[in-house]
Amino acid sequence: MKVLKLGMLLVLLVSAVFAADPSGVWKGTVTADDGPIDVVYKLKLEGGQLTGTATGPQGEMTITEAKAEGAAFRFTVDTGDARYPHRIAVSGEQLNVQVELPDGRVVEFVAQKSAS
């Protein structure tokens, strides 16, 4: 009976890990003070390591300092002028994104999974 319970727990944990995989292309729009900003994240989770790029008005930038935090991930986008810490969490075909601005404010938005 203990083996069955352990097996069921393992299946649930593995399912949670795969459900939280942010790999793919995600597109969203940030509502900014000076108008909407389109962003694209191209992310890949492999061997527990998150890599990828973020594309916005400054062009395509590599994400850095990526780490997992439970079902969420943190990474930083450095534009050269400022650093933008991100926190993301996958919810089905949506990527819930929180971005910390240089002034300390946090912007939240949702990006949708895209085929390209």
PDB file of N, CA and C in Angstrom:
ATOM      1  N   MET A   1       0.822  -1.190   0.000  1.00  0.00           N
ATOM      2  CA  MET A   1       0.000   0.000   0.000  1.00  0.00           C
ATOM      3  C   MET A   1       0.868   1.257   0.000  1.00  0.00           C
ATOM      4  N   LYS A   2       1.968   1.237   0.769  1.00  0.00           N
ATOM      5  CA  LYS A   2       2.864   2.388   0.789  1.00  0.00           C
ATOM      6  C   LYS A   2       3.492   2.610  -0.577  1.00  0.00           C
ATOM      7  N   VAL A   3       3.801   1.530  -1.286  1.00  0.00           N
ATOM      8  CA  VAL A   3       4.396   1.635  -2.612  1.00  0.00           C
ATOM      9  C   VAL A   3       3.406   2.285  -3.575  1.00  0.00           C
ATOM     10  N   LEU A   4       2.132   1.927  -3.477  1.00  0.00           N
ATOM     11  CA  LEU A   4       1.110   2.513  -4.337  1.00  0.00           C
ATOM     12  C   LEU A   4       0.973   4.005  -4.067  1.00  0.00           C
ATOM     13  N   LYS A   5       0.945   4.400  -2.798  1.00  0.00           N
ATOM     14  CA  LYS A   5       0.849   5.820  -2.449  1.00  0.00           C
ATOM     15  C   LYS A   5       2.072   6.580  -2.931  1.00  0.00           C
ATOM     16  N   LEU A   6       3.247   5.989  -2.781  1.00  0.00           N
ATOM     17  CA  LEU A   6       4.475   6.629  -3.246  1.00  0.00           C
ATOM     18  C   LEU A   6       4.458   6.777  -4.765  1.00  0.00           C
ATOM     19  N   GLY A   7       3.979   5.759  -5.456  1.00  0.00           N
ATOM     20  CA  GLY A   7       3.877   5.813  -6.915  1.00  0.00           C
ATOM     21  C   GLY A   7       2.920   6.899  -7.381  1.00  0.00           C
ATOM     22  N   MET A   8       1.781   7.020  -6.696  1.00  0.00           N
ATOM     23  CA  MET A   8       0.810   8.056  -7.044  1.00  0.00           C
ATOM     24  C   MET A   8       1.390   9.447  -6.800  1.00  0.00           C
ATOM     25  N   LEU A   9       2.114   9.622  -5.713  1.00  0.00           N
ATOM     26  CA  LEU A   9       2.747  10.899  -5.407  1.00  0.00           C
ATOM     27  C   LEU A   9       3.782  11.250  -6.465  1.00  0.00           C
ATOM     28  N   LEU A  10       4.552  10.270  -6.896  1.00  0.00           N
ATOM     29  CA  LEU A  10       5.563  10.489  -7.931  1.00  0.00           C
ATOM     30  C   LEU A  10       4.906  10.924  -9.239  1.00  0.00           C
ATOM     31  N   VAL A  11       3.801  10.295  -9.619  1.00  0.00           N
ATOM     32  CA  VAL A  11       3.086  10.671 -10.839  1.00  0.00           C
ATOM     33  C   VAL A  11       2.594  12.111 -10.743  1.00  0.00           C
ATOM     34  N   LEU A  12       2.057  12.502  -9.603  1.00  0.00           N
ATOM     35  CA  LEU A  12       1.590  13.874  -9.426  1.00  0.00           C
ATOM     36  C   LEU A  12       2.735  14.877  -9.515  1.00  0.00           C
ATOM     37  N   LEU A  13       3.868  14.549  -8.919  1.00  0.00           N
ATOM     38  CA  LEU A  13       5.011  15.453  -8.971  1.00  0.00           C
ATOM     39  C   LEU A  13       5.548  15.597 -10.388  1.00  0.00           C
ATOM     40  N   VAL A  14       5.655  14.499 -11.105  1.00  0.00           N
ATOM     41  CA  VAL A  14       6.132  14.546 -12.489  1.00  0.00           C
ATOM     42  C   VAL A  14       5.153  15.347 -13.345  1.00  0.00           C
ATOM     43  N   SER A  15       3.854  15.164 -13.153  1.00  0.00           N
ATOM     44  CA  SER A  15       2.855  15.923 -13.902  1.00  0.00           C
ATOM     45  C   SER A  15       2.986  17.408 -13.640  1.00  0.00           C
ATOM     46  N   ALA A  16       3.239  17.783 -12.383  1.00  0.00           N
ATOM     47  CA  ALA A  16       3.396  19.196 -12.041  1.00  0.00           C
ATOM     48  C   ALA A  16       4.618  19.792 -12.711  1.00  0.00           C
ATOM     49  N   VAL A  17       5.699  19.042 -12.789  1.00  0.00           N
ATOM     50  CA  VAL A  17       6.915  19.537 -13.431  1.00  0.00           C
ATOM     51  C   VAL A  17       6.667  19.787 -14.911  1.00  0.00           C
ATOM     52  N   PHE A  18       6.022  18.826 -15.604  1.00  0.00           N
ATOM     53  CA  PHE A  18       5.770  19.007 -17.023  1.00  0.00           C
ATOM     54  C   PHE A  18       4.753  20.113 -17.272  1.00  0.00           C
ATOM     55  N   ALA A  19       3.788  20.298 -16.383  1.00  0.00           N
ATOM     56  CA  ALA A  19       2.791  21.348 -16.553  1.00  0.00           C
ATOM     57  C   ALA A  19       3.429  22.722 -16.430  1.00  0.00           C
ATOM     58  N   ALA A  20       4.537  22.820 -15.722  1.00  0.00           N
ATOM     59  CA  ALA A  20       5.167  24.111 -15.484  1.00  0.00           C
ATOM     60  C   ALA A  20       6.286  24.405 -16.480  1.00  0.00           C
ATOM     61  N   ASP A  21       6.397  23.630 -17.544  1.00  0.00           N
ATOM     62  CA  ASP A  21       7.480  23.827 -18.510  1.00  0.00           C
ATOM     63  C   ASP A  21       7.203  25.077 -19.349  1.00  0.00           C
ATOM     64  N   PRO A  22       8.042  26.105 -19.241  1.00  0.00           N
ATOM     65  CA  PRO A  22       7.822  27.335 -19.996  1.00  0.00           C
ATOM     66  C   PRO A  22       8.404  27.307 -21.408  1.00  0.00           C
ATOM     67  N   SER A  23       8.885  26.155 -21.859  1.00  0.00           N
ATOM     68  CA  SER A  23       9.495  26.068 -23.185  1.00  0.00           C
ATOM     69  C   SER A  23       8.497  26.470 -24.263  1.00  0.00           C
ATOM     70  N   GLY A  24       8.979  27.267 -25.207  1.00  0.00           N
ATOM     71  CA  GLY A  24       8.144  27.678 -26.323  1.00  0.00           C
ATOM     72  C   GLY A  24       8.268  29.160 -26.591  1.00  0.00           C
ATOM     73  N   VAL A  25       7.425  29.623 -27.497  1.00  0.00           N
ATOM     74  CA  VAL A  25       7.374  31.037 -27.858  1.00  0.00           C
ATOM     75  C   VAL A  25       6.115  31.623 -27.241  1.00  0.00           C
ATOM     76  N   TRP A  26       6.276  32.737 -26.543  1.00  0.00           N
ATOM     77  CA  TRP A  26       5.182  33.399 -25.830  1.00  0.00           C
ATOM     78  C   TRP A  26       5.110  34.852 -26.282  1.00  0.00           C
ATOM     79  N   LYS A  27       3.906  35.326 -26.608  1.00  0.00           N
ATOM     80  CA  LYS A  27       3.733  36.702 -27.061  1.00  0.00           C
ATOM     81  C   LYS A  27       2.730  37.414 -26.167  1.00  0.00           C
ATOM     82  N   GLY A  28       3.078  38.649 -25.786  1.00  0.00           N
ATOM     83  CA  GLY A  28       2.196  39.429 -24.936  1.00  0.00           C
ATOM     84  C   GLY A  28       2.374  40.910 -25.172  1.00  0.00           C
ATOM     85  N   THR A  29       1.525  41.686 -24.522  1.00  0.00           N
ATOM     86  CA  THR A  29       1.574  43.136 -24.622  1.00  0.00           C
ATOM     87  C   THR A  29       1.557  43.724 -23.228  1.00  0.00           C
ATOM     88  N   VAL A  30       2.538  44.565 -22.956  1.00  0.00           N
ATOM     89  CA  VAL A  30       2.642  45.253 -21.671  1.00  0.00           C
ATOM     90  C   VAL A  30       1.989  46.619 -21.818  1.00  0.00           C
ATOM     91  N   THR A  31       1.128  46.964 -20.883  1.00  0.00           N
ATOM     92  CA  THR A  31       0.544  48.296 -20.870  1.00  0.00           C
ATOM     93  C   THR A  31       1.499  49.211 -20.126  1.00  0.00           C
ATOM     94  N   ALA A  32       2.119  50.139 -20.864  1.00  0.00           N
ATOM     95  CA  ALA A  32       3.101  51.060 -20.281  1.00  0.00           C
ATOM     96  C   ALA A  32       2.526  52.472 -20.250  1.00  0.00           C
ATOM     97  N   ASP A  33       3.202  53.346 -19.518  1.00  0.00           N
ATOM     98  CA  ASP A  33       2.761  54.740 -19.406  1.00  0.00           C
ATOM     99  C   ASP A  33       2.669  55.418 -20.770  1.00  0.00           C
ATOM    100  N   ASP A  34       3.575  55.071 -21.680  1.00  0.00           N
ATOM    101  CA  ASP A  34       3.597  55.719 -22.991  1.00  0.00           C
ATOM    102  C   ASP A  34       2.985  54.855 -24.095  1.00  0.00           C
ATOM    103  N   GLY A  35       2.161  53.885 -23.729  1.00  0.00           N
ATOM    104  CA  GLY A  35       1.479  53.054 -24.710  1.00  0.00           C
ATOM    105  C   GLY A  35       1.840  51.590 -24.592  1.00  0.00           C
ATOM    106  N   PRO A  36       1.186  50.743 -25.391  1.00  0.00           N
ATOM    107  CA  PRO A  36       1.435  49.295 -25.326  1.00  0.00           C
ATOM    108  C   PRO A  36       2.799  48.929 -25.901  1.00  0.00           C
ATOM    109  N   ILE A  37       3.403  47.900 -25.309  1.00  0.00           N
ATOM    110  CA  ILE A  37       4.689  47.387 -25.768  1.00  0.00           C
ATOM    111  C   ILE A  37       4.531  45.888 -26.019  1.00  0.00           C
ATOM    112  N   ASP A  38       4.774  45.476 -27.269  1.00  0.00           N
ATOM    113  CA  ASP A  38       4.716  44.053 -27.611  1.00  0.00           C
ATOM    114  C   ASP A  38       6.023  43.379 -27.201  1.00  0.00           C
ATOM    115  N   VAL A  39       5.906  42.209 -26.577  1.00  0.00           N
ATOM    116  CA  VAL A  39       7.080  41.441 -26.162  1.00  0.00           C
ATOM    117  C   VAL A  39       6.927  39.992 -26.614  1.00  0.00           C
ATOM    118  N   VAL A  40       8.069  39.366 -26.872  1.00  0.00           N
ATOM    119  CA  VAL A  40       8.100  37.951 -27.257  1.00  0.00           C
ATOM    120  C   VAL A  40       9.180  37.278 -26.418  1.00  0.00           C
ATOM    121  N   TYR A  41       8.832  36.168 -25.792  1.00  0.00           N
ATOM    122  CA  TYR A  41       9.793  35.355 -25.050  1.00  0.00           C
ATOM    123  C   TYR A  41       9.958  34.043 -25.791  1.00  0.00           C
ATOM    124  N   LYS A  42      11.196  33.665 -26.039  1.00  0.00           N
ATOM    125  CA  LYS A  42      11.514  32.348 -26.601  1.00  0.00           C
ATOM    126  C   LYS A  42      12.298  31.627 -25.520  1.00  0.00           C
ATOM    127  N   LEU A  43      11.661  30.633 -24.888  1.00  0.00           N
ATOM    128  CA  LEU A  43      12.239  29.980 -23.716  1.00  0.00           C
ATOM    129  C   LEU A  43      12.432  28.487 -23.955  1.00  0.00           C
ATOM    130  N   LYS A  44      13.448  27.952 -23.288  1.00  0.00           N
ATOM    131  CA  LYS A  44      13.713  26.514 -23.370  1.00  0.00           C
ATOM    132  C   LYS A  44      14.161  26.020 -21.999  1.00  0.00           C
ATOM    133  N   LEU A  45      13.475  25.008 -21.504  1.00  0.00           N
ATOM    134  CA  LEU A  45      13.842  24.372 -20.246  1.00  0.00           C
ATOM    135  C   LEU A  45      14.421  23.017 -20.591  1.00  0.00           C
ATOM    136  N   GLU A  46      15.702  22.832 -20.258  1.00  0.00           N
ATOM    137  CA  GLU A  46      16.373  21.577 -20.572  1.00  0.00           C
ATOM    138  C   GLU A  46      17.297  21.218 -19.416  1.00  0.00           C
ATOM    139  N   GLY A  47      17.120  20.029 -18.889  1.00  0.00           N
ATOM    140  CA  GLY A  47      17.953  19.583 -17.781  1.00  0.00           C
ATOM    141  C   GLY A  47      17.834  20.483 -16.559  1.00  0.00           C
ATOM    142  N   GLY A  48      16.661  21.069 -16.367  1.00  0.00           N
ATOM    143  CA  GLY A  48      16.445  21.947 -15.226  1.00  0.00           C
ATOM    144  C   GLY A  48      16.965  23.361 -15.413  1.00  0.00           C
ATOM    145  N   GLN A  49      17.587  23.646 -16.570  1.00  0.00           N
ATOM    146  CA  GLN A  49      18.160  24.974 -16.837  1.00  0.00           C
ATOM    147  C   GLN A  49      17.278  25.730 -17.836  1.00  0.00           C
ATOM    148  N   LEU A  50      16.855  26.935 -17.466  1.00  0.00           N
ATOM    149  CA  LEU A  50      16.057  27.779 -18.342  1.00  0.00           C
ATOM    150  C   LEU A  50      16.967  28.721 -19.118  1.00  0.00           C
ATOM    151  N   THR A  51      16.804  28.741 -20.443  1.00  0.00           N
ATOM    152  CA  THR A  51      17.553  29.650 -21.308  1.00  0.00           C
ATOM    153  C   THR A  51      16.559  30.302 -22.259  1.00  0.00           C
ATOM    154  N   GLY A  52      17.002  31.350 -22.942  1.00  0.00           N
ATOM    155  CA  GLY A  52      16.125  31.938 -23.938  1.00  0.00           C
ATOM    156  C   GLY A  52      16.401  33.403 -24.180  1.00  0.00           C
ATOM    157  N   THR A  53      15.445  34.012 -24.876  1.00  0.00           N
ATOM    158  CA  THR A  53      15.549  35.424 -25.221  1.00  0.00           C
ATOM    159  C   THR A  53      14.233  36.131 -24.948  1.00  0.00           C
ATOM    160  N   ALA A  54      14.341  37.452 -24.824  1.00  0.00           N
ATOM    161  CA  ALA A  54      13.177  38.333 -24.732  1.00  0.00           C
ATOM    162  C   ALA A  54      13.350  39.398 -25.798  1.00  0.00           C
ATOM    163  N   THR A  55      12.291  39.648 -26.560  1.00  0.00           N
ATOM    164  CA  THR A  55      12.346  40.653 -27.607  1.00  0.00           C
ATOM    165  C   THR A  55      11.322  41.739 -27.307  1.00  0.00           C
ATOM    166  N   GLY A  56      11.789  42.976 -27.359  1.00  0.00           N
ATOM    167  CA  GLY A  56      10.942  44.144 -27.134  1.00  0.00           C
ATOM    168  C   GLY A  56      11.439  45.283 -27.986  1.00  0.00           C
ATOM    169  N   PRO A  57      11.137  46.521 -27.595  1.00  0.00           N
ATOM    170  CA  PRO A  57      11.550  47.683 -28.391  1.00  0.00           C
ATOM    171  C   PRO A  57      13.065  47.794 -28.594  1.00  0.00           C
ATOM    172  N   GLN A  58      13.866  47.267 -27.660  1.00  0.00           N
ATOM    173  CA  GLN A  58      15.326  47.343 -27.777  1.00  0.00           C
ATOM    174  C   GLN A  58      15.904  46.203 -28.604  1.00  0.00           C
ATOM    175  N   GLY A  59      15.059  45.326 -29.106  1.00  0.00           N
ATOM    176  CA  GLY A  59      15.523  44.178 -29.879  1.00  0.00           C
ATOM    177  C   GLY A  59      15.531  42.911 -29.045  1.00  0.00           C
ATOM    178  N   GLU A  60      16.231  41.899 -29.536  1.00  0.00           N
ATOM    179  CA  GLU A  60      16.297  40.606 -28.862  1.00  0.00           C
ATOM    180  C   GLU A  60      17.444  40.588 -27.858  1.00  0.00           C
ATOM    181  N   MET A  61      17.131  40.180 -26.623  1.00  0.00           N
ATOM    182  CA  MET A  61      18.127  40.121 -25.551  1.00  0.00           C
ATOM    183  C   MET A  61      18.094  38.747 -24.893  1.00  0.00           C
ATOM    184  N   THR A  62      19.261  38.248 -24.523  1.00  0.00           N
ATOM    185  CA  THR A  62      19.364  36.959 -23.845  1.00  0.00           C
ATOM    186  C   THR A  62      18.949  37.114 -22.392  1.00  0.00           C
ATOM    187  N   ILE A  63      18.160  36.136 -21.902  1.00  0.00           N
ATOM    188  CA  ILE A  63      17.818  36.153 -20.482  1.00  0.00           C
ATOM    189  C   ILE A  63      19.023  35.659 -19.685  1.00  0.00           C
ATOM    190  N   THR A  64      19.192  36.190 -18.480  1.00  0.00           N
ATOM    191  CA  THR A  64      20.299  35.797 -17.615  1.00  0.00           C
ATOM    192  C   THR A  64      19.771  35.501 -16.215  1.00  0.00           C
ATOM    193  N   GLU A  65      20.622  34.915 -15.400  1.00  0.00           N
ATOM    194  CA  GLU A  65      20.321  34.667 -13.983  1.00  0.00           C
ATOM    195  C   GLU A  65      19.028  33.870 -13.799  1.00  0.00           C
ATOM    196  N   ALA A  66      18.769  32.933 -14.700  1.00  0.00           N
ATOM    197  CA  ALA A  66      17.539  32.154 -14.628  1.00  0.00           C
ATOM    198  C   ALA A  66      17.626  31.103 -13.536  1.00  0.00           C
ATOM    199  N   LYS A  67      16.518  30.957 -12.789  1.00  0.00           N
ATOM    200  CA  LYS A  67      16.443  29.916 -11.769  1.00  0.00           C
ATOM    201  C   LYS A  67      14.990  29.555 -11.521  1.00  0.00           C
ATOM    202  N   ALA A  68      14.786  28.304 -11.128  1.00  0.00           N
ATOM    203  CA  ALA A  68      13.448  27.815 -10.812  1.00  0.00           C
ATOM    204  C   ALA A  68      13.118  28.135  -9.368  1.00  0.00           C
ATOM    205  N   GLU A  69      11.856  28.463  -9.141  1.00  0.00           N
ATOM    206  CA  GLU A  69      11.337  28.683  -7.785  1.00  0.00           C
ATOM    207  C   GLU A  69      10.015  27.947  -7.675  1.00  0.00           C
ATOM    208  N   GLY A  70      10.083  26.679  -7.363  1.00  0.00           N
ATOM    209  CA  GLY A  70       8.874  25.867  -7.327  1.00  0.00           C
ATOM    210  C   GLY A  70       8.315  25.734  -8.728  1.00  0.00           C
ATOM    211  N   ALA A  71       7.050  26.121  -8.922  1.00  0.00           N
ATOM    212  CA  ALA A  71       6.422  26.050 -10.238  1.00  0.00           C
ATOM    213  C   ALA A  71       6.677  27.315 -11.054  1.00  0.00           C
ATOM    214  N   ALA A  72       7.394  28.282 -10.495  1.00  0.00           N
ATOM    215  CA  ALA A  72       7.689  29.537 -11.187  1.00  0.00           C
ATOM    216  C   ALA A  72       9.173  29.620 -11.523  1.00  0.00           C
ATOM    217  N   PHE A  73       9.515  30.598 -12.338  1.00  0.00           N
ATOM    218  CA  PHE A  73      10.900  30.836 -12.724  1.00  0.00           C
ATOM    219  C   PHE A  73      11.207  32.316 -12.609  1.00  0.00           C
ATOM    220  N   ARG A  74      12.455  32.619 -12.328  1.00  0.00           N
ATOM    221  CA  ARG A  74      12.936  33.998 -12.308  1.00  0.00           C
ATOM    222  C   ARG A  74      14.074  34.117 -13.302  1.00  0.00           C
ATOM    223  N   PHE A  75      14.156  35.266 -13.956  1.00  0.00           N
ATOM    224  CA  PHE A  75      15.294  35.582 -14.809  1.00  0.00           C
ATOM    225  C   PHE A  75      15.377  37.087 -14.962  1.00  0.00           C
ATOM    226  N   THR A  76      16.475  37.556 -15.524  1.00  0.00           N
ATOM    227  CA  THR A  76      16.693  38.981 -15.713  1.00  0.00           C
ATOM    228  C   THR A  76      16.919  39.266 -17.193  1.00  0.00           C
ATOM    229  N   VAL A  77      16.375  40.390 -17.648  1.00  0.00           N
ATOM    230  CA  VAL A  77      16.637  40.896 -18.992  1.00  0.00           C
ATOM    231  C   VAL A  77      17.381  42.211 -18.810  1.00  0.00           C
ATOM    232  N   ASP A  78      18.572  42.284 -19.395  1.00  0.00           N
ATOM    233  CA  ASP A  78      19.405  43.487 -19.304  1.00  0.00           C
ATOM    234  C   ASP A  78      19.407  44.164 -20.666  1.00  0.00           C
ATOM    235  N   THR A  79      18.856  45.391 -20.734  1.00  0.00           N
ATOM    236  CA  THR A  79      18.765  46.109 -22.006  1.00  0.00           C
ATOM    237  C   THR A  79      20.011  46.934 -22.301  1.00  0.00           C
ATOM    238  N   GLY A  80      20.935  46.967 -21.350  1.00  0.00           N
ATOM    239  CA  GLY A  80      22.095  47.842 -21.488  1.00  0.00           C
ATOM    240  C   GLY A  80      21.877  49.141 -20.731  1.00  0.00           C
ATOM    241  N   ASP A  81      20.641  49.631 -20.742  1.00  0.00           N
ATOM    242  CA  ASP A  81      20.282  50.835 -19.995  1.00  0.00           C
ATOM    243  C   ASP A  81      19.712  50.501 -18.623  1.00  0.00           C
ATOM    244  N   ALA A  82      19.069  49.334 -18.513  1.00  0.00           N
ATOM    245  CA  ALA A  82      18.421  48.948 -17.257  1.00  0.00           C
ATOM    246  C   ALA A  82      18.287  47.428 -17.195  1.00  0.00           C
ATOM    247  N   ARG A  83      18.128  46.935 -15.964  1.00  0.00           N
ATOM    248  CA  ARG A  83      17.901  45.509 -15.723  1.00  0.00           C
ATOM    249  C   ARG A  83      16.438  45.318 -15.324  1.00  0.00           C
ATOM    250  N   TYR A  84      15.824  44.289 -15.870  1.00  0.00           N
ATOM    251  CA  TYR A  84      14.420  44.009 -15.606  1.00  0.00           C
ATOM    252  C   TYR A  84      14.258  42.586 -15.077  1.00  0.00           C
ATOM    253  N   PRO A  85      14.196  42.423 -13.752  1.00  0.00           N
ATOM    254  CA  PRO A  85      13.938  41.099 -13.182  1.00  0.00           C
ATOM    255  C   PRO A  85      12.515  40.636 -13.533  1.00  0.00           C
ATOM    256  N   HIS A  86      12.398  39.388 -13.951  1.00  0.00           N
ATOM    257  CA  HIS A  86      11.123  38.786 -14.326  1.00  0.00           C
ATOM    258  C   HIS A  86      10.803  37.626 -13.401  1.00  0.00           C
ATOM    259  N   ARG A  87       9.528  37.401 -13.193  1.00  0.00           N
ATOM    260  CA  ARG A  87       9.021  36.189 -12.551  1.00  0.00           C
ATOM    261  C   ARG A  87       7.919  35.684 -13.455  1.00  0.00           C
ATOM    262  N   ILE A  88       8.000  34.415 -13.863  1.00  0.00           N
ATOM    263  CA  ILE A  88       7.007  33.841 -14.764  1.00  0.00           C
ATOM    264  C   ILE A  88       6.443  32.556 -14.181  1.00  0.00           C
ATOM    265  N   ALA A  89       5.208  32.266 -14.536  1.00  0.00           N
ATOM    266  CA  ALA A  89       4.562  31.014 -14.149  1.00  0.00           C
ATOM    267  C   ALA A  89       3.660  30.580 -15.289  1.00  0.00           C
ATOM    268  N   VAL A  90       3.722  29.313 -15.640  1.00  0.00           N
ATOM    269  CA  VAL A  90       2.911  28.767 -16.724  1.00  0.00           C
ATOM    270  C   VAL A  90       1.564  28.338 -16.175  1.00  0.00           C
ATOM    271  N   SER A  91       0.516  28.699 -16.920  1.00  0.00           N
ATOM    272  CA  SER A  91      -0.840  28.277 -16.590  1.00  0.00           C
ATOM    273  C   SER A  91      -1.511  27.868 -17.896  1.00  0.00           C
ATOM    274  N   GLY A  92      -1.377  26.607 -18.246  1.00  0.00           N
ATOM    275  CA  GLY A  92      -1.920  26.121 -19.517  1.00  0.00           C
ATOM    276  C   GLY A  92      -1.182  26.750 -20.688  1.00  0.00           C
ATOM    277  N   GLU A  93      -1.919  27.450 -21.540  1.00  0.00           N
ATOM    278  CA  GLU A  93      -1.340  28.112 -22.714  1.00  0.00           C
ATOM    279  C   GLU A  93      -1.018  29.578 -22.427  1.00  0.00           C
ATOM    280  N   GLN A  94      -0.980  29.942 -21.139  1.00  0.00           N
ATOM    281  CA  GLN A  94      -0.668  31.308 -20.746  1.00  0.00           C
ATOM    282  C   GLN A  94       0.589  31.350 -19.901  1.00  0.00           C
ATOM    283  N   LEU A  95       1.321  32.433 -20.053  1.00  0.00           N
ATOM    284  CA  LEU A  95       2.497  32.689 -19.237  1.00  0.00           C
ATOM    285  C   LEU A  95       2.190  33.935 -18.421  1.00  0.00           C
ATOM    286  N   ASN A  96       2.070  33.767 -17.112  1.00  0.00           N
ATOM    287  CA  ASN A  96       1.832  34.909 -16.229  1.00  0.00           C
ATOM    288  C   ASN A  96       3.181  35.549 -15.932  1.00  0.00           C
ATOM    289  N   VAL A  97       3.315  36.826 -16.269  1.00  0.00           N
ATOM    290  CA  VAL A  97       4.589  37.518 -16.194  1.00  0.00           C
ATOM    291  C   VAL A  97       4.505  38.695 -15.236  1.00  0.00           C
ATOM    292  N   GLN A  98       5.522  38.813 -14.380  1.00  0.00           N
ATOM    293  CA  GLN A  98       5.707  39.984 -13.526  1.00  0.00           C
ATOM    294  C   GLN A  98       7.093  40.541 -13.828  1.00  0.00           C
ATOM    295  N   VAL A  99       7.154  41.829 -14.145  1.00  0.00           N
ATOM    296  CA  VAL A  99       8.421  42.474 -14.463  1.00  0.00           C
ATOM    297  C   VAL A  99       8.625  43.631 -13.493  1.00  0.00           C
ATOM    298  N   GLU A 100       9.808  43.635 -12.849  1.00  0.00           N
ATOM    299  CA  GLU A 100      10.130  44.742 -11.951  1.00  0.00           C
ATOM    300  C   GLU A 100      10.821  45.840 -12.759  1.00  0.00           C
ATOM    301  N   LEU A 101      10.254  47.031 -12.697  1.00  0.00           N
ATOM    302  CA  LEU A 101      10.812  48.175 -13.407  1.00  0.00           C
ATOM    303  C   LEU A 101      11.933  48.809 -12.590  1.00  0.00           C
ATOM    304  N   PRO A 102      12.806  49.588 -13.245  1.00  0.00           N
ATOM    305  CA  PRO A 102      13.920  50.219 -12.514  1.00  0.00           C
ATOM    306  C   PRO A 102      13.482  51.084 -11.326  1.00  0.00           C
ATOM    307  N   ASP A 103      12.256  51.646 -11.382  1.00  0.00           N
ATOM    308  CA  ASP A 103      11.779  52.485 -10.279  1.00  0.00           C
ATOM    309  C   ASP A 103      11.140  51.677  -9.151  1.00  0.00           C
ATOM    310  N   GLY A 104      11.151  50.335  -9.287  1.00  0.00           N
ATOM    311  CA  GLY A 104      10.627  49.473  -8.230  1.00  0.00           C
ATOM    312  C   GLY A 104       9.195  49.018  -8.457  1.00  0.00           C
ATOM    313  N   ARG A 105       8.487  49.650  -9.372  1.00  0.00           N
ATOM    314  CA  ARG A 105       7.119  49.199  -9.665  1.00  0.00           C
ATOM    315  C   ARG A 105       7.164  47.832 -10.342  1.00  0.00           C
ATOM    316  N   VAL A 106       6.083  47.084 -10.205  1.00  0.00           N
ATOM    317  CA  VAL A 106       5.969  45.774 -10.838  1.00  0.00           C
ATOM    318  C   VAL A 106       4.810  45.822 -11.832  1.00  0.00           C
ATOM    319  N   VAL A 107       5.093  45.409 -13.059  1.00  0.00           N
ATOM    320  CA  VAL A 107       4.090  45.335 -14.111  1.00  0.00           C
ATOM    321  C   VAL A 107       3.737  43.868 -14.303  1.00  0.00           C
ATOM    322  N   GLU A 108       2.447  43.578 -14.374  1.00  0.00           N
ATOM    323  CA  GLU A 108       1.989  42.214 -14.592  1.00  0.00           C
ATOM    324  C   GLU A 108       1.210  42.139 -15.898  1.00  0.00           C
ATOM    325  N   PHE A 109       1.420  41.052 -16.648  1.00  0.00           N
ATOM    326  CA  PHE A 109       0.668  40.832 -17.865  1.00  0.00           C
ATOM    327  C   PHE A 109       0.682  39.346 -18.198  1.00  0.00           C
ATOM    328  N   VAL A 110      -0.094  38.976 -19.186  1.00  0.00           N
ATOM    329  CA  VAL A 110      -0.186  37.578 -19.615  1.00  0.00           C
ATOM    330  C   VAL A 110       0.302  37.483 -21.051  1.00  0.00           C
ATOM    331  N   ALA A 111       1.174  36.512 -21.314  1.00  0.00           N
ATOM    332  CA  ALA A 111       1.617  36.210 -22.670  1.00  0.00           C
ATOM    333  C   ALA A 111       0.979  34.892 -23.088  1.00  0.00           C
ATOM    334  N   GLN A 112       0.660  34.777 -24.356  1.00  0.00           N
ATOM    335  CA  GLN A 112       0.007  33.581 -24.890  1.00  0.00           C
ATOM    336  C   GLN A 112       1.027  32.736 -25.638  1.00  0.00           C
ATOM    337  N   LYS A 113       0.885  31.437 -25.531  1.00  0.00           N
ATOM    338  CA  LYS A 113       1.767  30.526 -26.278  1.00  0.00           C
ATOM    339  C   LYS A 113       1.474  30.686 -27.767  1.00  0.00           C
ATOM    340  N   SER A 114       2.546  30.728 -28.553  1.00  0.00           N
ATOM    341  CA  SER A 114       2.436  30.948 -29.979  1.00  0.00           C
ATOM    342  C   SER A 114       3.101  29.798 -30.733  1.00  0.00           C
ATOM    343  N   ALA A 115       2.641  29.553 -31.949  1.00  0.00           N
ATOM    344  CA  ALA A 115       3.235  28.503 -32.772  1.00  0.00           C
ATOM    345  C   ALA A 115       4.591  28.922 -33.318  1.00  0.00           C
ATOM    346  N   SER A 116       4.856  30.233 -33.368  1.00  0.00           N
ATOM    347  CA  SER A 116       6.144  30.695 -33.913  1.00  0.00           C
ATOM    348  C   SER A 116       6.748  31.792 -33.088  1.00  0.00           C
TER     349      SER A 116
END
